[in-house]
Structures are given as C-alpha cells and as structure tokens.
Full PDB file with SEQRES, HELIX, SHEET, SSBOND, CRYST1, ORIGX, SCALE, CONECT and MASTER records, all heavy atoms in Angstrom:
SEQRES   1 A   39  GLN VAL MET LYS ASN LEU MET ASP VAL LEU LYS GLN SER          
SEQRES   2 A   39  GLY SER SER LEU GLU ARG VAL THR PHE VAL ARG VAL TYR          
SEQRES   3 A   39  LEU VAL ASN PHE GLN ASP PHE ASP LYS VAL ASN LYS ILE          
HELIX    1 AA1 VAL A    2  SER A   13  1                                  12    
HELIX    2 AA2 LEU A   17  ARG A   19  5                                   3    
HELIX    3 AA3 PHE A   30  ASP A   32  5                                   3    
HELIX    4 AA4 PHE A   33  LYS A   38  1                                   6    
CRYST1    1.000    1.000    1.000  90.00  90.00  90.00 P 1           1          
ORIGX1      1.000000  0.000000  0.000000        0.00000                         
ORIGX2      0.000000  1.000000  0.000000        0.00000                         
ORIGX3      0.000000  0.000000  1.000000        0.00000                         
SCALE1      1.000000  0.000000  0.000000        0.00000                         
SCALE2      0.000000  1.000000  0.000000        0.00000                         
SCALE3      0.000000  0.000000  1.000000        0.00000                         
ATOM      1  N   GLN A   1     -27.090 -62.493   3.922  1.00  0.00           N  
ATOM      2  CA  GLN A   1     -28.353 -62.340   4.629  1.00  0.00           C  
ATOM      3  C   GLN A   1     -28.927 -63.660   5.046  1.00  0.00           C  
ATOM      4  O   GLN A   1     -29.448 -63.839   6.161  1.00  0.00           O  
ATOM      5  CB  GLN A   1     -29.343 -61.501   3.843  1.00  0.00           C  
ATOM      6  CG  GLN A   1     -30.596 -61.147   4.618  1.00  0.00           C  
ATOM      7  CD  GLN A   1     -30.277 -60.318   5.828  1.00  0.00           C  
ATOM      8  OE1 GLN A   1     -29.573 -59.320   5.772  1.00  0.00           O  
ATOM      9  NE2 GLN A   1     -30.817 -60.667   7.019  1.00  0.00           N  
ATOM     10  N   VAL A   2     -28.887 -64.655   4.121  1.00  0.00           N  
ATOM     11  CA  VAL A   2     -29.391 -65.984   4.429  1.00  0.00           C  
ATOM     12  C   VAL A   2     -28.604 -66.536   5.598  1.00  0.00           C  
ATOM     13  O   VAL A   2     -29.214 -67.091   6.540  1.00  0.00           O  
ATOM     14  CB  VAL A   2     -29.276 -66.911   3.200  1.00  0.00           C  
ATOM     15  CG1 VAL A   2     -29.539 -68.360   3.596  1.00  0.00           C  
ATOM     16  CG2 VAL A   2     -30.286 -66.472   2.095  1.00  0.00           C  
ATOM     17  N   MET A   3     -27.276 -66.439   5.612  1.00  0.00           N  
ATOM     18  CA  MET A   3     -26.475 -66.940   6.730  1.00  0.00           C  
ATOM     19  C   MET A   3     -26.818 -66.205   8.042  1.00  0.00           C  
ATOM     20  O   MET A   3     -26.949 -66.845   9.093  1.00  0.00           O  
ATOM     21  CB  MET A   3     -24.978 -66.853   6.427  1.00  0.00           C  
ATOM     22  CG  MET A   3     -24.539 -67.708   5.218  1.00  0.00           C  
ATOM     23  SD  MET A   3     -24.901 -69.463   5.404  1.00  0.00           S  
ATOM     24  CE  MET A   3     -23.916 -69.913   6.827  1.00  0.00           C  
ATOM     25  N   LYS A   4     -27.014 -64.943   7.944  1.00  0.00           N  
ATOM     26  CA  LYS A   4     -27.409 -64.172   9.218  1.00  0.00           C  
ATOM     27  C   LYS A   4     -28.724 -64.698   9.713  1.00  0.00           C  
ATOM     28  O   LYS A   4     -28.940 -64.832  10.921  1.00  0.00           O  
ATOM     29  CB  LYS A   4     -27.497 -62.654   8.873  1.00  0.00           C  
ATOM     30  CG  LYS A   4     -26.114 -62.047   8.656  1.00  0.00           C  
ATOM     31  CD  LYS A   4     -26.327 -60.594   8.248  1.00  0.00           C  
ATOM     32  CE  LYS A   4     -24.988 -60.016   7.826  1.00  0.00           C  
ATOM     33  NZ  LYS A   4     -25.151 -58.586   7.291  1.00  0.00           N  
ATOM     34  N   ASN A   5     -29.718 -64.904   8.795  1.00  0.00           N  
ATOM     35  CA  ASN A   5     -30.990 -65.432   9.195  1.00  0.00           C  
ATOM     36  C   ASN A   5     -30.873 -66.816   9.855  1.00  0.00           C  
ATOM     37  O   ASN A   5     -31.551 -67.097  10.839  1.00  0.00           O  
ATOM     38  CB  ASN A   5     -31.944 -65.434   8.020  1.00  0.00           C  
ATOM     39  CG  ASN A   5     -32.353 -64.026   7.586  1.00  0.00           C  
ATOM     40  OD1 ASN A   5     -32.150 -63.027   8.300  1.00  0.00           O  
ATOM     41  ND2 ASN A   5     -33.024 -63.957   6.445  1.00  0.00           N  
ATOM     42  N   LEU A   6     -30.051 -67.662   9.208  1.00  0.00           N  
ATOM     43  CA  LEU A   6     -29.846 -69.001   9.769  1.00  0.00           C  
ATOM     44  C   LEU A   6     -29.256 -68.945  11.186  1.00  0.00           C  
ATOM     45  O   LEU A   6     -29.673 -69.622  12.111  1.00  0.00           O  
ATOM     46  CB  LEU A   6     -28.934 -69.832   8.859  1.00  0.00           C  
ATOM     47  CG  LEU A   6     -29.542 -70.297   7.590  1.00  0.00           C  
ATOM     48  CD1 LEU A   6     -28.478 -70.758   6.599  1.00  0.00           C  
ATOM     49  CD2 LEU A   6     -30.616 -71.341   7.792  1.00  0.00           C  
ATOM     50  N   MET A   7     -28.298 -68.048  11.387  1.00  0.00           N  
ATOM     51  CA  MET A   7     -27.618 -67.929  12.658  1.00  0.00           C  
ATOM     52  C   MET A   7     -28.603 -67.416  13.706  1.00  0.00           C  
ATOM     53  O   MET A   7     -28.590 -67.846  14.861  1.00  0.00           O  
ATOM     54  CB  MET A   7     -26.410 -66.961  12.572  1.00  0.00           C  
ATOM     55  CG  MET A   7     -25.214 -67.575  11.864  1.00  0.00           C  
ATOM     56  SD  MET A   7     -23.740 -66.601  11.865  1.00  0.00           S  
ATOM     57  CE  MET A   7     -24.279 -64.982  11.276  1.00  0.00           C  
ATOM     58  N   ASP A   8     -29.473 -66.512  13.301  1.00  0.00           N  
ATOM     59  CA  ASP A   8     -30.505 -65.982  14.195  1.00  0.00           C  
ATOM     60  C   ASP A   8     -31.404 -67.095  14.670  1.00  0.00           C  
ATOM     61  O   ASP A   8     -31.677 -67.285  15.873  1.00  0.00           O  
ATOM     62  CB  ASP A   8     -31.289 -64.872  13.451  1.00  0.00           C  
ATOM     63  CG  ASP A   8     -32.360 -64.186  14.374  1.00  0.00           C  
ATOM     64  OD1 ASP A   8     -32.362 -64.423  15.573  1.00  0.00           O  
ATOM     65  OD2 ASP A   8     -33.141 -63.421  13.812  1.00  0.00           O  
ATOM     66  N   VAL A   9     -31.910 -67.906  13.713  1.00  0.00           N  
ATOM     67  CA  VAL A   9     -32.808 -69.044  14.092  1.00  0.00           C  
ATOM     68  C   VAL A   9     -32.067 -70.065  14.922  1.00  0.00           C  
ATOM     69  O   VAL A   9     -32.635 -70.565  15.944  1.00  0.00           O  
ATOM     70  CB  VAL A   9     -33.397 -69.682  12.848  1.00  0.00           C  
ATOM     71  CG1 VAL A   9     -34.226 -70.946  13.173  1.00  0.00           C  
ATOM     72  CG2 VAL A   9     -34.293 -68.705  12.048  1.00  0.00           C  
ATOM     73  N   LEU A  10     -30.834 -70.371  14.563  1.00  0.00           N  
ATOM     74  CA  LEU A  10     -30.079 -71.359  15.364  1.00  0.00           C  
ATOM     75  C   LEU A  10     -29.894 -70.838  16.832  1.00  0.00           C  
ATOM     76  O   LEU A  10     -30.068 -71.617  17.749  1.00  0.00           O  
ATOM     77  CB  LEU A  10     -28.705 -71.604  14.757  1.00  0.00           C  
ATOM     78  CG  LEU A  10     -28.698 -72.503  13.556  1.00  0.00           C  
ATOM     79  CD1 LEU A  10     -27.371 -72.459  12.815  1.00  0.00           C  
ATOM     80  CD2 LEU A  10     -29.061 -73.946  13.936  1.00  0.00           C  
ATOM     81  N   LYS A  11     -29.539 -69.578  16.958  1.00  0.00           N  
ATOM     82  CA  LYS A  11     -29.299 -69.023  18.334  1.00  0.00           C  
ATOM     83  C   LYS A  11     -30.596 -69.137  19.142  1.00  0.00           C  
ATOM     84  O   LYS A  11     -30.564 -69.541  20.314  1.00  0.00           O  
ATOM     85  CB  LYS A  11     -28.828 -67.584  18.204  1.00  0.00           C  
ATOM     86  CG  LYS A  11     -28.551 -66.918  19.514  1.00  0.00           C  
ATOM     87  CD  LYS A  11     -28.038 -65.509  19.384  1.00  0.00           C  
ATOM     88  CE  LYS A  11     -27.755 -64.875  20.754  1.00  0.00           C  
ATOM     89  NZ  LYS A  11     -27.328 -63.538  20.627  1.00  0.00           N  
ATOM     90  N   GLN A  12     -31.751 -68.709  18.547  1.00  0.00           N  
ATOM     91  CA  GLN A  12     -32.955 -68.762  19.295  1.00  0.00           C  
ATOM     92  C   GLN A  12     -33.426 -70.189  19.555  1.00  0.00           C  
ATOM     93  O   GLN A  12     -34.230 -70.431  20.435  1.00  0.00           O  
ATOM     94  CB  GLN A  12     -34.040 -67.970  18.527  1.00  0.00           C  
ATOM     95  CG  GLN A  12     -33.716 -66.481  18.516  1.00  0.00           C  
ATOM     96  CD  GLN A  12     -34.884 -65.688  18.008  1.00  0.00           C  
ATOM     97  OE1 GLN A  12     -35.958 -65.635  18.643  1.00  0.00           O  
ATOM     98  NE2 GLN A  12     -34.680 -65.029  16.828  1.00  0.00           N  
ATOM     99  N   SER A  13     -32.886 -71.157  18.798  1.00  0.00           N  
ATOM    100  CA  SER A  13     -33.221 -72.566  18.975  1.00  0.00           C  
ATOM    101  C   SER A  13     -32.273 -73.232  19.994  1.00  0.00           C  
ATOM    102  O   SER A  13     -32.417 -74.443  20.254  1.00  0.00           O  
ATOM    103  CB  SER A  13     -33.150 -73.334  17.671  1.00  0.00           C  
ATOM    104  OG  SER A  13     -34.020 -72.795  16.674  1.00  0.00           O  
ATOM    105  N   GLY A  14     -31.257 -72.472  20.459  1.00  0.00           N  
ATOM    106  CA  GLY A  14     -30.301 -73.106  21.382  1.00  0.00           C  
ATOM    107  C   GLY A  14     -29.163 -73.783  20.721  1.00  0.00           C  
ATOM    108  O   GLY A  14     -28.546 -74.707  21.306  1.00  0.00           O  
ATOM    109  N   SER A  15     -28.807 -73.384  19.456  1.00  0.00           N  
ATOM    110  CA  SER A  15     -27.707 -74.041  18.757  1.00  0.00           C  
ATOM    111  C   SER A  15     -26.919 -72.978  18.090  1.00  0.00           C  
ATOM    112  O   SER A  15     -27.022 -71.797  18.402  1.00  0.00           O  
ATOM    113  CB  SER A  15     -28.272 -75.028  17.743  1.00  0.00           C  
ATOM    114  OG  SER A  15     -27.193 -75.836  17.197  1.00  0.00           O  
ATOM    115  N   SER A  16     -26.024 -73.399  17.184  1.00  0.00           N  
ATOM    116  CA  SER A  16     -25.151 -72.461  16.478  1.00  0.00           C  
ATOM    117  C   SER A  16     -24.584 -73.128  15.234  1.00  0.00           C  
ATOM    118  O   SER A  16     -24.754 -74.299  14.993  1.00  0.00           O  
ATOM    119  CB  SER A  16     -23.955 -72.058  17.409  1.00  0.00           C  
ATOM    120  OG  SER A  16     -23.122 -73.186  17.629  1.00  0.00           O  
ATOM    121  N   LEU A  17     -23.893 -72.362  14.375  1.00  0.00           N  
ATOM    122  CA  LEU A  17     -23.321 -72.907  13.203  1.00  0.00           C  
ATOM    123  C   LEU A  17     -22.313 -74.003  13.494  1.00  0.00           C  
ATOM    124  O   LEU A  17     -22.093 -74.890  12.686  1.00  0.00           O  
ATOM    125  CB  LEU A  17     -22.636 -71.788  12.355  1.00  0.00           C  
ATOM    126  CG  LEU A  17     -23.583 -70.864  11.629  1.00  0.00           C  
ATOM    127  CD1 LEU A  17     -22.778 -69.757  10.873  1.00  0.00           C  
ATOM    128  CD2 LEU A  17     -24.471 -71.606  10.649  1.00  0.00           C  
ATOM    129  N   GLU A  18     -21.658 -73.896  14.660  1.00  0.00           N  
ATOM    130  CA  GLU A  18     -20.625 -74.893  15.035  1.00  0.00           C  
ATOM    131  C   GLU A  18     -21.302 -76.269  15.222  1.00  0.00           C  
ATOM    132  O   GLU A  18     -20.581 -77.280  15.220  1.00  0.00           O  
ATOM    133  CB  GLU A  18     -19.948 -74.492  16.312  1.00  0.00           C  
ATOM    134  CG  GLU A  18     -19.013 -73.287  16.127  1.00  0.00           C  
ATOM    135  CD  GLU A  18     -19.766 -71.981  16.149  1.00  0.00           C  
ATOM    136  OE1 GLU A  18     -20.913 -71.846  16.674  1.00  0.00           O  
ATOM    137  OE2 GLU A  18     -19.231 -71.015  15.558  1.00  0.00           O  
ATOM    138  N   ARG A  19     -22.580 -76.336  15.387  1.00  0.00           N  
ATOM    139  CA  ARG A  19     -23.293 -77.597  15.663  1.00  0.00           C  
ATOM    140  C   ARG A  19     -24.080 -78.101  14.441  1.00  0.00           C  
ATOM    141  O   ARG A  19     -24.834 -79.054  14.551  1.00  0.00           O  
ATOM    142  CB  ARG A  19     -24.217 -77.418  16.834  1.00  0.00           C  
ATOM    143  CG  ARG A  19     -23.411 -76.868  18.029  1.00  0.00           C  
ATOM    144  CD  ARG A  19     -23.746 -77.184  19.410  1.00  0.00           C  
ATOM    145  NE  ARG A  19     -24.500 -78.387  19.711  1.00  0.00           N  
ATOM    146  CZ  ARG A  19     -23.936 -79.475  20.188  1.00  0.00           C  
ATOM    147  NH1 ARG A  19     -22.677 -79.593  20.317  1.00  0.00           N  
ATOM    148  NH2 ARG A  19     -24.709 -80.508  20.565  1.00  0.00           N  
ATOM    149  N   VAL A  20     -23.863 -77.500  13.258  1.00  0.00           N  
ATOM    150  CA  VAL A  20     -24.562 -77.871  12.057  1.00  0.00           C  
ATOM    151  C   VAL A  20     -24.012 -79.167  11.525  1.00  0.00           C  
ATOM    152  O   VAL A  20     -22.803 -79.344  11.418  1.00  0.00           O  
ATOM    153  CB  VAL A  20     -24.492 -76.739  11.002  1.00  0.00           C  
ATOM    154  CG1 VAL A  20     -25.033 -77.221   9.659  1.00  0.00           C  
ATOM    155  CG2 VAL A  20     -25.265 -75.525  11.500  1.00  0.00           C  
ATOM    156  N   THR A  21     -24.876 -80.081  11.175  1.00  0.00           N  
ATOM    157  CA  THR A  21     -24.469 -81.412  10.661  1.00  0.00           C  
ATOM    158  C   THR A  21     -24.674 -81.496   9.180  1.00  0.00           C  
ATOM    159  O   THR A  21     -23.965 -82.218   8.499  1.00  0.00           O  
ATOM    160  CB  THR A  21     -25.216 -82.541  11.336  1.00  0.00           C  
ATOM    161  OG1 THR A  21     -26.628 -82.390  11.197  1.00  0.00           O  
ATOM    162  CG2 THR A  21     -24.896 -82.555  12.849  1.00  0.00           C  
ATOM    163  N   PHE A  22     -25.687 -80.859   8.672  1.00  0.00           N  
ATOM    164  CA  PHE A  22     -26.064 -81.017   7.246  1.00  0.00           C  
ATOM    165  C   PHE A  22     -26.694 -79.762   6.688  1.00  0.00           C  
ATOM    166  O   PHE A  22     -27.475 -79.116   7.389  1.00  0.00           O  
ATOM    167  CB  PHE A  22     -27.010 -82.176   7.014  1.00  0.00           C  
ATOM    168  CG  PHE A  22     -27.291 -82.465   5.596  1.00  0.00           C  
ATOM    169  CD1 PHE A  22     -26.365 -83.154   4.818  1.00  0.00           C  
ATOM    170  CD2 PHE A  22     -28.463 -82.011   4.951  1.00  0.00           C  
ATOM    171  CE1 PHE A  22     -26.644 -83.394   3.435  1.00  0.00           C  
ATOM    172  CE2 PHE A  22     -28.671 -82.262   3.637  1.00  0.00           C  
ATOM    173  CZ  PHE A  22     -27.796 -82.954   2.860  1.00  0.00           C  
ATOM    174  N   VAL A  23     -26.315 -79.345   5.466  1.00  0.00           N  
ATOM    175  CA  VAL A  23     -26.838 -78.154   4.855  1.00  0.00           C  
ATOM    176  C   VAL A  23     -27.299 -78.460   3.432  1.00  0.00           C  
ATOM    177  O   VAL A  23     -26.680 -79.279   2.697  1.00  0.00           O  
ATOM    178  CB  VAL A  23     -25.668 -77.073   4.791  1.00  0.00           C  
ATOM    179  CG1 VAL A  23     -26.127 -75.836   4.020  1.00  0.00           C  
ATOM    180  CG2 VAL A  23     -25.204 -76.722   6.169  1.00  0.00           C  
ATOM    181  N   ARG A  24     -28.349 -77.781   3.006  1.00  0.00           N  
ATOM    182  CA  ARG A  24     -28.782 -77.817   1.622  1.00  0.00           C  
ATOM    183  C   ARG A  24     -28.812 -76.383   1.107  1.00  0.00           C  
ATOM    184  O   ARG A  24     -29.413 -75.543   1.711  1.00  0.00           O  
ATOM    185  CB  ARG A  24     -30.192 -78.415   1.453  1.00  0.00           C  
ATOM    186  CG  ARG A  24     -30.175 -79.950   1.343  1.00  0.00           C  
ATOM    187  CD  ARG A  24     -31.591 -80.489   1.120  1.00  0.00           C  
ATOM    188  NE  ARG A  24     -32.419 -80.111   2.237  1.00  0.00           N  
ATOM    189  CZ  ARG A  24     -32.869 -80.977   3.143  1.00  0.00           C  
ATOM    190  NH1 ARG A  24     -32.577 -82.255   3.078  1.00  0.00           N  
ATOM    191  NH2 ARG A  24     -33.671 -80.577   4.142  1.00  0.00           N  
ATOM    192  N   VAL A  25     -28.141 -76.145  -0.048  1.00  0.00           N  
ATOM    193  CA  VAL A  25     -28.078 -74.868  -0.710  1.00  0.00           C  
ATOM    194  C   VAL A  25     -28.879 -74.975  -1.965  1.00  0.00           C  
ATOM    195  O   VAL A  25     -28.697 -75.921  -2.765  1.00  0.00           O  
ATOM    196  CB  VAL A  25     -26.671 -74.438  -0.997  1.00  0.00           C  
ATOM    197  CG1 VAL A  25     -26.609 -73.141  -1.731  1.00  0.00           C  
ATOM    198  CG2 VAL A  25     -25.804 -74.378   0.268  1.00  0.00           C  
ATOM    199  N   TYR A  26     -29.805 -74.049  -2.212  1.00  0.00           N  
ATOM    200  CA  TYR A  26     -30.587 -73.997  -3.413  1.00  0.00           C  
ATOM    201  C   TYR A  26     -30.181 -72.803  -4.208  1.00  0.00           C  
ATOM    202  O   TYR A  26     -30.208 -71.691  -3.732  1.00  0.00           O  
ATOM    203  CB  TYR A  26     -32.066 -73.882  -3.089  1.00  0.00           C  
ATOM    204  CG  TYR A  26     -32.537 -75.039  -2.178  1.00  0.00           C  
ATOM    205  CD1 TYR A  26     -32.480 -74.868  -0.802  1.00  0.00           C  
ATOM    206  CD2 TYR A  26     -33.037 -76.191  -2.689  1.00  0.00           C  
ATOM    207  CE1 TYR A  26     -32.923 -75.922   0.036  1.00  0.00           C  
ATOM    208  CE2 TYR A  26     -33.466 -77.250  -1.885  1.00  0.00           C  
ATOM    209  CZ  TYR A  26     -33.397 -77.086  -0.492  1.00  0.00           C  
ATOM    210  OH  TYR A  26     -33.847 -78.090   0.308  1.00  0.00           O  
ATOM    211  N   LEU A  27     -29.794 -73.010  -5.454  1.00  0.00           N  
ATOM    212  CA  LEU A  27     -29.349 -71.904  -6.337  1.00  0.00           C  
ATOM    213  C   LEU A  27     -30.183 -71.838  -7.616  1.00  0.00           C  
ATOM    214  O   LEU A  27     -30.394 -72.854  -8.270  1.00  0.00           O  
ATOM    215  CB  LEU A  27     -27.881 -72.129  -6.766  1.00  0.00           C  
ATOM    216  CG  LEU A  27     -26.788 -71.950  -5.730  1.00  0.00           C  
ATOM    217  CD1 LEU A  27     -25.422 -72.257  -6.324  1.00  0.00           C  
ATOM    218  CD2 LEU A  27     -26.818 -70.511  -5.202  1.00  0.00           C  
ATOM    219  N   VAL A  28     -30.620 -70.637  -7.974  1.00  0.00           N  
ATOM    220  CA  VAL A  28     -31.349 -70.462  -9.213  1.00  0.00           C  
ATOM    221  C   VAL A  28     -30.372 -70.453 -10.410  1.00  0.00           C  
ATOM    222  O   VAL A  28     -30.660 -71.039 -11.469  1.00  0.00           O  
ATOM    223  CB  VAL A  28     -32.169 -69.104  -9.161  1.00  0.00           C  
ATOM    224  CG1 VAL A  28     -32.753 -68.805 -10.534  1.00  0.00           C  
ATOM    225  CG2 VAL A  28     -33.221 -69.178  -8.096  1.00  0.00           C  
ATOM    226  N   ASN A  29     -29.137 -69.906 -10.232  1.00  0.00           N  
ATOM    227  CA  ASN A  29     -28.194 -69.823 -11.272  1.00  0.00           C  
ATOM    228  C   ASN A  29     -26.910 -70.551 -10.828  1.00  0.00           C  
ATOM    229  O   ASN A  29     -26.190 -70.053  -9.937  1.00  0.00           O  
ATOM    230  CB  ASN A  29     -27.928 -68.384 -11.642  1.00  0.00           C  
ATOM    231  CG  ASN A  29     -26.957 -68.280 -12.773  1.00  0.00           C  
ATOM    232  OD1 ASN A  29     -26.303 -69.209 -13.220  1.00  0.00           O  
ATOM    233  ND2 ASN A  29     -26.854 -67.093 -13.326  1.00  0.00           N  
ATOM    234  N   PHE A  30     -26.602 -71.703 -11.383  1.00  0.00           N  
ATOM    235  CA  PHE A  30     -25.448 -72.465 -10.917  1.00  0.00           C  
ATOM    236  C   PHE A  30     -24.155 -71.748 -11.271  1.00  0.00           C  
ATOM    237  O   PHE A  30     -23.068 -72.110 -10.740  1.00  0.00           O  
ATOM    238  CB  PHE A  30     -25.472 -73.870 -11.455  1.00  0.00           C  
ATOM    239  CG  PHE A  30     -25.407 -74.899 -10.358  1.00  0.00           C  
ATOM    240  CD1 PHE A  30     -26.536 -75.243  -9.665  1.00  0.00           C  
ATOM    241  CD2 PHE A  30     -24.187 -75.444  -9.952  1.00  0.00           C  
ATOM    242  CE1 PHE A  30     -26.522 -76.180  -8.640  1.00  0.00           C  
ATOM    243  CE2 PHE A  30     -24.153 -76.322  -8.886  1.00  0.00           C  
ATOM    244  CZ  PHE A  30     -25.270 -76.713  -8.248  1.00  0.00           C  
ATOM    245  N   GLN A  31     -24.182 -70.722 -12.078  1.00  0.00           N  
ATOM    246  CA  GLN A  31     -22.954 -69.957 -12.320  1.00  0.00           C  
ATOM    247  C   GLN A  31     -22.579 -69.129 -11.105  1.00  0.00           C  
ATOM    248  O   GLN A  31     -21.471 -68.629 -10.984  1.00  0.00           O  
ATOM    249  CB  GLN A  31     -23.150 -69.050 -13.528  1.00  0.00           C  
ATOM    250  CG  GLN A  31     -23.241 -69.839 -14.826  1.00  0.00           C  
ATOM    251  CD  GLN A  31     -23.343 -68.918 -16.040  1.00  0.00           C  
ATOM    252  OE1 GLN A  31     -23.469 -67.756 -15.944  1.00  0.00           O  
ATOM    253  NE2 GLN A  31     -23.376 -69.560 -17.205  1.00  0.00           N  
ATOM    254  N   ASP A  32     -23.502 -69.036 -10.105  1.00  0.00           N  
ATOM    255  CA  ASP A  32     -23.201 -68.334  -8.832  1.00  0.00           C  
ATOM    256  C   ASP A  32     -22.555 -69.278  -7.779  1.00  0.00           C  
ATOM    257  O   ASP A  32     -22.231 -68.846  -6.657  1.00  0.00           O  
ATOM    258  CB  ASP A  32     -24.535 -67.810  -8.228  1.00  0.00           C  
ATOM    259  CG  ASP A  32     -25.100 -66.639  -9.007  1.00  0.00           C  
ATOM    260  OD1 ASP A  32     -24.311 -65.931  -9.666  1.00  0.00           O  
ATOM    261  OD2 ASP A  32     -26.342 -66.452  -8.991  1.00  0.00           O  
ATOM    262  N   PHE A  33     -22.313 -70.521  -8.169  1.00  0.00           N  
ATOM    263  CA  PHE A  33     -21.822 -71.550  -7.242  1.00  0.00           C  
ATOM    264  C   PHE A  33     -20.549 -71.068  -6.530  1.00  0.00           C  
ATOM    265  O   PHE A  33     -20.475 -71.147  -5.308  1.00  0.00           O  
ATOM    266  CB  PHE A  33     -21.578 -72.859  -8.022  1.00  0.00           C  
ATOM    267  CG  PHE A  33     -21.155 -74.000  -7.207  1.00  0.00           C  
ATOM    268  CD1 PHE A  33     -22.034 -74.707  -6.427  1.00  0.00           C  
ATOM    269  CD2 PHE A  33     -19.838 -74.428  -7.183  1.00  0.00           C  
ATOM    270  CE1 PHE A  33     -21.634 -75.787  -5.665  1.00  0.00           C  
ATOM    271  CE2 PHE A  33     -19.415 -75.514  -6.424  1.00  0.00           C  
ATOM    272  CZ  PHE A  33     -20.351 -76.225  -5.699  1.00  0.00           C  
ATOM    273  N   ASP A  34     -19.566 -70.588  -7.229  1.00  0.00           N  
ATOM    274  CA  ASP A  34     -18.320 -70.168  -6.656  1.00  0.00           C  
ATOM    275  C   ASP A  34     -18.469 -68.976  -5.735  1.00  0.00           C  
ATOM    276  O   ASP A  34     -17.866 -68.921  -4.640  1.00  0.00           O  
ATOM    277  CB  ASP A  34     -17.205 -69.863  -7.706  1.00  0.00           C  
ATOM    278  CG  ASP A  34     -16.759 -71.132  -8.429  1.00  0.00           C  
ATOM    279  OD1 ASP A  34     -16.899 -72.259  -7.835  1.00  0.00           O  
ATOM    280  OD2 ASP A  34     -16.275 -70.991  -9.556  1.00  0.00           O  
ATOM    281  N   LYS A  35     -19.274 -68.021  -6.114  1.00  0.00           N  
ATOM    282  CA  LYS A  35     -19.546 -66.817  -5.339  1.00  0.00           C  
ATOM    283  C   LYS A  35     -20.211 -67.217  -3.995  1.00  0.00           C  
ATOM    284  O   LYS A  35     -19.838 -66.742  -2.920  1.00  0.00           O  
ATOM    285  CB  LYS A  35     -20.432 -65.843  -6.028  1.00  0.00           C  
ATOM    286  CG  LYS A  35     -19.805 -65.170  -7.246  1.00  0.00           C  
ATOM    287  CD  LYS A  35     -20.829 -64.213  -7.895  1.00  0.00           C  
ATOM    288  CE  LYS A  35     -20.274 -63.645  -9.204  1.00  0.00           C  
ATOM    289  NZ  LYS A  35     -21.297 -62.863  -9.852  1.00  0.00           N  
ATOM    290  N   VAL A  36     -21.226 -68.039  -4.054  1.00  0.00           N  
ATOM    291  CA  VAL A  36     -21.905 -68.525  -2.900  1.00  0.00           C  
ATOM    292  C   VAL A  36     -21.011 -69.326  -1.957  1.00  0.00           C  
ATOM    293  O   VAL A  36     -20.992 -69.137  -0.762  1.00  0.00           O  
ATOM    294  CB  VAL A  36     -23.213 -69.310  -3.268  1.00  0.00           C  
ATOM    295  CG1 VAL A  36     -23.817 -69.991  -2.043  1.00  0.00           C  
ATOM    296  CG2 VAL A  36     -24.219 -68.358  -3.946  1.00  0.00           C  
ATOM    297  N   ASN A  37     -20.199 -70.209  -2.571  1.00  0.00           N  
ATOM    298  CA  ASN A  37     -19.278 -71.030  -1.748  1.00  0.00           C  
ATOM    299  C   ASN A  37     -18.289 -70.178  -0.981  1.00  0.00           C  
ATOM    300  O   ASN A  37     -17.991 -70.478   0.151  1.00  0.00           O  
ATOM    301  CB  ASN A  37     -18.493 -72.019  -2.653  1.00  0.00           C  
ATOM    302  CG  ASN A  37     -19.251 -73.259  -2.933  1.00  0.00           C  
ATOM    303  OD1 ASN A  37     -20.223 -73.606  -2.252  1.00  0.00           O  
ATOM    304  ND2 ASN A  37     -18.897 -73.930  -4.006  1.00  0.00           N  
ATOM    305  N   LYS A  38     -17.761 -69.151  -1.636  1.00  0.00           N  
ATOM    306  CA  LYS A  38     -16.805 -68.279  -0.923  1.00  0.00           C  
ATOM    307  C   LYS A  38     -17.414 -67.670   0.300  1.00  0.00           C  
ATOM    308  O   LYS A  38     -16.788 -67.604   1.389  1.00  0.00           O  
ATOM    309  CB  LYS A  38     -16.370 -67.192  -1.883  1.00  0.00           C  
ATOM    310  CG  LYS A  38     -15.303 -66.250  -1.297  1.00  0.00           C  
ATOM    311  CD  LYS A  38     -14.822 -65.233  -2.332  1.00  0.00           C  
ATOM    312  CE  LYS A  38     -13.823 -64.322  -1.725  1.00  0.00           C  
ATOM    313  NZ  LYS A  38     -13.372 -63.249  -2.619  1.00  0.00           N  
ATOM    314  N   ILE A  39     -18.619 -67.151   0.246  1.00  0.00           N  
ATOM    315  CA  ILE A  39     -19.268 -66.573   1.405  1.00  0.00           C  
ATOM    316  C   ILE A  39     -19.667 -67.673   2.387  1.00  0.00           C  
ATOM    317  O   ILE A  39     -19.393 -67.501   3.561  1.00  0.00           O  
ATOM    318  CB  ILE A  39     -20.522 -65.789   0.932  1.00  0.00           C  
ATOM    319  CG1 ILE A  39     -20.052 -64.789   0.016  1.00  0.00           C  
ATOM    320  CG2 ILE A  39     -21.348 -65.305   2.074  1.00  0.00           C  
ATOM    321  CD1 ILE A  39     -20.360 -63.572  -0.415  1.00  0.00           C  
TER     322      ILE A  39                                                      
MASTER        0    0    0    4    0    0    0    6  321    1    0    3          
END                                                                             
C-alpha cells in the first residue's frame, strides 16, 4: 500500500519510480526487514 501511494504521488507530480534517486524506509520492527525488502 505504501508503494502504491508513492506511485500515485509520483505520477501526479510528473515522475515515476524509474526516476527515484533516494529512498528512506522506516520500520517499527527490524525483524520485518527481509519481508519489506522482498516487496
């Protein structure tokens, strides 16, 4: 859902995931790191 929301904002801003230069991911539980990375 977060990725869908990001894509929505990027599209409306005139950009896309292909043009992303930097990302910050915030995790409450670092044991979710591998699950989040896969998606």
